Amino acid sequence: MRLKLLSCEIFYREFCAAVSRSPNVVDVEFLTKGLHDIGSDAMSERLQAAVDRVGSGYDAVLMGYGLCNNGLVGLTARQVRLVAPRAHDCVTLFLGSKERYLDYFQSNPGVFYETTGWIERGEGNGELSQLALGKKLGIDQSFEELVARYGEDNARYLWEELGNLTKHYSQITFIEMGIEPDSTFEGRAREKARARGWKFEKVEGDLGLIQRLVDGIWDDREFLIVPPGWKIAAHYNSGIIAAERPTP
């Protein structure tokens, strides 16, 4: 098959490794990180524009995304079908299944996840930073800058309620995917945890879901196939997403 993959760039190393082993011809387009930070409607618009750029010479368009704060909702297949993993967010793809992700999530509240992609591509100020909620509110600024902008009372509220975005976290979990060149990425995650006084844990990731996506092994339990003209809808059950026929 000839496939087109549209993926968040935090999966760069993982999908490149998987594509190199796929029996299919897979053309890859990585989109800038942080689409989920600009709101579900804006994210969907960005993804739809990318889908609309894909020509008709493909057997399917693959989405390297989870539902990601409903960013896939409303995404419509055009000339060719869409294939999307049944995943709440990208952690599912790193851990290999929605079941494993849910089990780890329930057993480990307050976890901040790290992978090579989040470390090397998720820390800088990308082109989406001007659109993100934190940037709009100014909560990426110092407390003194907030006071100058909003006044002391409003600044204190923003600082306490929104500014400390990590206040509910207590652990960093580094997901080792087997594509790391050395221990550098793990070391940076460990150091971040140490600096914040958080726990650190390393878990073994699973490339299986990513590999099956590009290999064309699309079991309905793991992937949603959206026919041309249909769109993605959120389903708050074990299926996570569903294909929906547009209303005439």
Protein backbone atom coordinates (compact mmCIF):
# COMPACT_ATOMS: atom_id res chain seq x y z
CA MET A 1 0.00 0.00 0.00
CA ARG A 2 0.94 3.62 -0.41
CA LEU A 3 0.16 5.56 2.77
CA LYS A 4 0.38 9.15 3.93
CA LEU A 5 1.26 9.69 7.59
CA LEU A 6 0.40 12.97 9.33
CA SER A 7 2.01 13.01 12.76
CA CYS A 8 2.94 15.29 15.62
CA GLU A 9 6.69 15.85 15.55
CA ILE A 10 7.18 14.44 19.05
CA PHE A 11 6.92 11.00 17.39
CA TYR A 12 9.72 11.81 14.94
CA ARG A 13 12.21 9.14 16.01
CA GLU A 14 9.55 6.49 16.69
CA PHE A 15 7.71 6.81 13.39
CA CYS A 16 10.94 7.07 11.38
CA ALA A 17 12.06 3.79 12.94
CA ALA A 18 8.70 2.14 12.27
CA VAL A 19 8.46 3.40 8.67
CA SER A 20 11.93 2.05 7.93
CA ARG A 21 10.64 -1.44 8.76
CA SER A 22 7.21 -1.16 7.13
CA PRO A 23 6.41 -3.21 4.02
CA ASN A 24 4.36 -0.24 2.76
CA VAL A 25 5.41 2.95 1.04
CA VAL A 26 4.80 5.59 3.70
CA ASP A 27 5.17 9.30 2.95
CA VAL A 28 5.52 11.22 6.20
CA GLU A 29 4.60 14.78 7.15
CA PHE A 30 5.41 15.90 10.68
CA LEU A 31 3.36 18.79 12.04
CA THR A 32 4.62 21.17 14.67
CA LYS A 33 4.24 20.21 18.30
CA GLY A 34 1.68 21.82 20.55
CA LEU A 35 -1.46 21.73 18.42
CA HIS A 36 -3.45 20.54 21.43
CA ASP A 37 -2.44 23.73 23.26
CA ILE A 38 -4.29 26.05 20.89
CA GLY A 39 -7.73 24.53 21.48
CA SER A 40 -9.63 21.66 19.89
CA ASP A 41 -11.24 23.74 17.13
CA ALA A 42 -7.96 25.32 16.04
CA MET A 43 -6.17 21.98 16.21
CA SER A 44 -8.86 20.34 14.09
CA GLU A 45 -8.57 23.13 11.53
CA ARG A 46 -4.80 22.61 11.28
CA LEU A 47 -5.21 18.86 10.88
CA GLN A 48 -8.02 19.23 8.35
CA ALA A 49 -5.85 21.54 6.25
CA ALA A 50 -3.11 18.89 6.27
CA VAL A 51 -5.58 16.18 5.27
CA ASP A 52 -6.95 18.36 2.49
CA ARG A 53 -3.45 18.75 1.04
CA VAL A 54 -3.16 14.99 0.53
CA GLY A 55 -3.85 13.89 -3.01
CA SER A 56 -5.82 10.88 -4.19
CA GLY A 57 -2.82 8.63 -4.87
CA TYR A 58 -2.89 7.00 -1.45
CA ASP A 59 -4.67 4.01 0.03
CA ALA A 60 -5.12 5.76 3.38
CA VAL A 61 -4.12 8.79 5.43
CA LEU A 62 -2.72 7.78 8.81
CA MET A 63 -3.09 10.05 11.83
CA GLY A 64 -0.16 10.01 14.26
CA TYR A 65 -2.33 11.50 17.00
CA GLY A 66 -4.57 10.50 19.84
CA LEU A 67 -7.89 12.21 20.48
CA CYS A 68 -5.77 14.89 22.18
CA ASN A 69 -8.31 17.10 23.95
CA ASN A 70 -10.84 16.47 21.14
CA GLY A 71 -8.46 17.80 18.49
CA LEU A 72 -9.47 14.97 16.12
CA VAL A 73 -13.19 15.63 16.51
CA GLY A 74 -14.79 16.71 13.25
CA LEU A 75 -11.80 15.68 11.12
CA THR A 76 -13.23 14.56 7.78
CA ALA A 77 -11.82 12.05 5.31
CA ARG A 78 -11.66 13.45 1.78
CA GLN A 79 -10.65 11.39 -1.26
CA VAL A 80 -9.20 8.53 0.80
CA ARG A 81 -9.98 6.95 4.13
CA LEU A 82 -8.45 8.08 7.41
CA VAL A 83 -6.96 5.68 9.93
CA ALA A 84 -6.55 6.85 13.53
CA PRO A 85 -5.45 4.98 16.65
CA ARG A 86 -8.01 4.58 19.40
CA ALA A 87 -6.05 6.65 21.90
CA HIS A 88 -6.92 9.37 24.37
CA ASP A 89 -3.57 11.06 23.79
CA CYS A 90 -0.02 10.40 22.66
CA VAL A 91 0.95 8.47 25.80
CA THR A 92 -1.18 5.58 24.53
CA LEU A 93 0.98 5.35 21.40
CA PHE A 94 4.17 5.40 23.47
CA LEU A 95 2.92 2.69 25.84
CA GLY A 96 1.46 0.52 23.07
CA SER A 97 -2.20 0.27 24.05
CA LYS A 98 -5.03 2.26 25.61
CA GLU A 99 -5.42 -0.44 28.26
CA ARG A 100 -1.83 -0.17 29.43
CA TYR A 101 -2.04 3.61 29.48
CA LEU A 102 -5.25 3.58 31.55
CA ASP A 103 -3.76 1.09 34.01
CA TYR A 104 -0.61 3.18 34.48
CA PHE A 105 -2.57 6.42 34.70
CA GLN A 106 -4.84 5.07 37.42
CA SER A 107 -1.93 3.62 39.39
CA ASN A 108 0.30 6.69 39.07
CA PRO A 109 -1.56 9.99 39.52
CA GLY A 110 0.40 13.21 39.12
CA VAL A 111 2.81 11.91 36.47
CA PHE A 112 4.55 14.10 33.90
CA TYR A 113 5.72 11.96 30.96
CA GLU A 114 8.94 12.37 29.01
CA THR A 115 10.26 10.77 25.82
CA THR A 116 12.95 11.75 23.34
CA GLY A 117 10.40 13.76 21.36
CA TRP A 118 9.07 15.71 24.32
CA ILE A 119 12.60 16.49 25.46
CA GLU A 120 14.16 17.51 22.17
CA ARG A 121 11.08 19.06 20.54
CA GLY A 122 8.75 19.89 23.40
CA GLU A 123 10.69 22.42 25.43
CA GLY A 124 11.38 25.30 23.06
CA ASN A 125 9.00 28.06 22.06
CA GLY A 126 7.57 26.84 18.77
CA GLU A 127 5.52 28.82 16.29
CA LEU A 128 2.33 27.87 18.12
CA SER A 129 3.41 29.50 21.38
CA GLN A 130 1.78 32.79 20.41
CA LEU A 131 -1.57 31.00 20.13
CA ALA A 132 -1.40 28.93 23.30
CA LEU A 133 -3.61 29.83 26.26
CA GLY A 134 -0.67 30.45 28.57
CA LYS A 135 0.86 32.88 26.10
CA LYS A 136 -2.41 34.73 25.62
CA LEU A 137 -2.89 35.14 29.37
CA GLY A 138 0.74 35.96 29.96
CA ILE A 139 1.22 33.21 32.53
CA ASP A 140 4.57 32.32 31.01
CA GLN A 141 5.79 35.64 32.47
CA SER A 142 7.24 36.43 35.89
CA PHE A 143 4.99 37.46 38.78
CA GLU A 144 6.29 41.04 38.53
CA GLU A 145 5.41 41.17 34.84
CA LEU A 146 1.90 39.92 35.60
CA VAL A 147 1.45 42.63 38.23
CA ALA A 148 2.45 45.29 35.71
CA ARG A 149 0.02 43.87 33.17
CA TYR A 150 -3.02 42.91 35.28
CA GLY A 151 -2.62 44.50 38.71
CA GLU A 152 -1.56 42.73 41.88
CA ASP A 153 -4.84 40.98 42.78
CA ASN A 154 -5.42 39.59 39.30
CA ALA A 155 -1.77 38.69 38.94
CA ARG A 156 -1.79 36.75 42.20
CA TYR A 157 -4.85 34.79 41.09
CA LEU A 158 -3.29 33.91 37.73
CA TRP A 159 0.00 32.99 39.36
CA GLU A 160 -1.59 30.71 41.93
CA GLU A 161 -4.32 29.13 39.79
CA LEU A 162 -2.80 29.01 36.32
CA GLY A 163 0.82 30.03 36.47
CA ASN A 164 2.07 27.03 38.38
CA LEU A 165 1.01 24.50 35.76
CA THR A 166 3.04 21.74 37.41
CA LYS A 167 1.58 22.02 40.92
CA HIS A 168 -0.43 18.80 40.55
CA TYR A 169 2.58 16.76 39.41
CA SER A 170 4.94 14.83 41.66
CA GLN A 171 6.72 12.40 39.33
CA ILE A 172 8.44 12.25 35.96
CA THR A 173 8.14 8.99 34.05
CA PHE A 174 10.57 8.53 31.19
CA ILE A 175 9.21 6.17 28.53
CA GLU A 176 12.15 4.37 26.92
CA MET A 177 11.21 3.39 23.37
CA GLY A 178 14.36 1.56 22.31
CA ILE A 179 15.28 4.19 19.72
CA GLU A 180 17.40 6.36 22.03
CA PRO A 181 21.02 6.75 20.89
CA ASP A 182 22.36 6.73 24.48
CA SER A 183 21.35 7.66 28.02
CA THR A 184 21.34 11.42 27.38
CA PHE A 185 17.55 11.79 27.19
CA GLU A 186 16.97 9.69 30.29
CA GLY A 187 19.60 11.74 32.10
CA ARG A 188 17.85 14.99 31.24
CA ALA A 189 14.55 13.62 32.51
CA ARG A 190 16.20 12.45 35.73
CA GLU A 191 17.78 15.85 36.26
CA LYS A 192 14.46 17.61 35.74
CA ALA A 193 12.85 15.38 38.36
CA ARG A 194 15.73 15.96 40.78
CA ALA A 195 15.59 19.74 40.31
CA ARG A 196 11.87 19.78 41.11
CA GLY A 197 12.07 17.37 43.98
CA TRP A 198 9.90 14.83 42.16
CA LYS A 199 10.11 11.07 41.95
CA PHE A 200 11.56 9.53 38.79
CA GLU A 201 10.63 6.31 37.06
CA LYS A 202 11.67 4.75 33.78
CA VAL A 203 9.26 2.42 32.02
CA GLU A 204 9.67 0.43 28.84
CA GLY A 205 7.67 1.78 25.94
CA ASP A 206 6.09 -0.27 23.17
CA LEU A 207 6.39 0.55 19.47
CA GLY A 208 3.75 -2.03 18.58
CA LEU A 209 0.82 0.33 18.05
CA ILE A 210 2.95 2.72 15.99
CA GLN A 211 4.35 -0.15 13.92
CA ARG A 212 0.95 -1.67 13.24
CA LEU A 213 -0.37 1.71 12.10
CA VAL A 214 2.24 2.07 9.36
CA ASP A 215 2.20 -1.66 8.53
CA GLY A 216 -1.54 -1.55 7.77
CA ILE A 217 -2.55 -4.00 10.51
CA TRP A 218 -5.68 -2.14 11.54
CA ASP A 219 -7.66 -4.24 13.99
CA ASP A 220 -10.88 -2.45 14.94
CA ARG A 221 -10.02 -2.73 18.63
CA GLU A 222 -6.96 -0.53 18.08
CA PHE A 223 -7.75 1.64 15.07
CA LEU A 224 -10.66 3.55 13.59
CA ILE A 225 -11.06 3.55 9.81
CA VAL A 226 -13.01 6.57 8.53
CA PRO A 227 -14.49 6.18 5.01
CA PRO A 228 -14.25 9.07 2.51
CA GLY A 229 -16.78 11.76 3.36
CA TRP A 230 -17.20 10.61 6.97
CA LYS A 231 -15.79 12.38 10.03
CA ILE A 232 -14.33 11.52 13.41
CA ALA A 233 -16.52 11.85 16.49
CA ALA A 234 -15.59 11.38 20.15
CA HIS A 235 -17.18 8.42 21.91
CA TYR A 236 -16.70 8.34 25.66
CA ASN A 237 -16.40 4.59 25.93
CA SER A 238 -13.68 2.02 25.32
CA GLY A 239 -13.66 2.83 21.61
CA ILE A 240 -12.72 6.48 22.28
CA ILE A 241 -13.47 7.62 18.71
CA ALA A 242 -16.01 6.65 16.03
CA ALA A 243 -16.76 7.35 12.38
CA GLU A 244 -19.83 9.48 11.79
CA ARG A 245 -21.70 10.17 8.59
CA PRO A 246 -22.09 13.93 8.08
CA THR A 247 -25.61 15.30 8.41
CA PRO A 248 -27.04 16.22 4.97
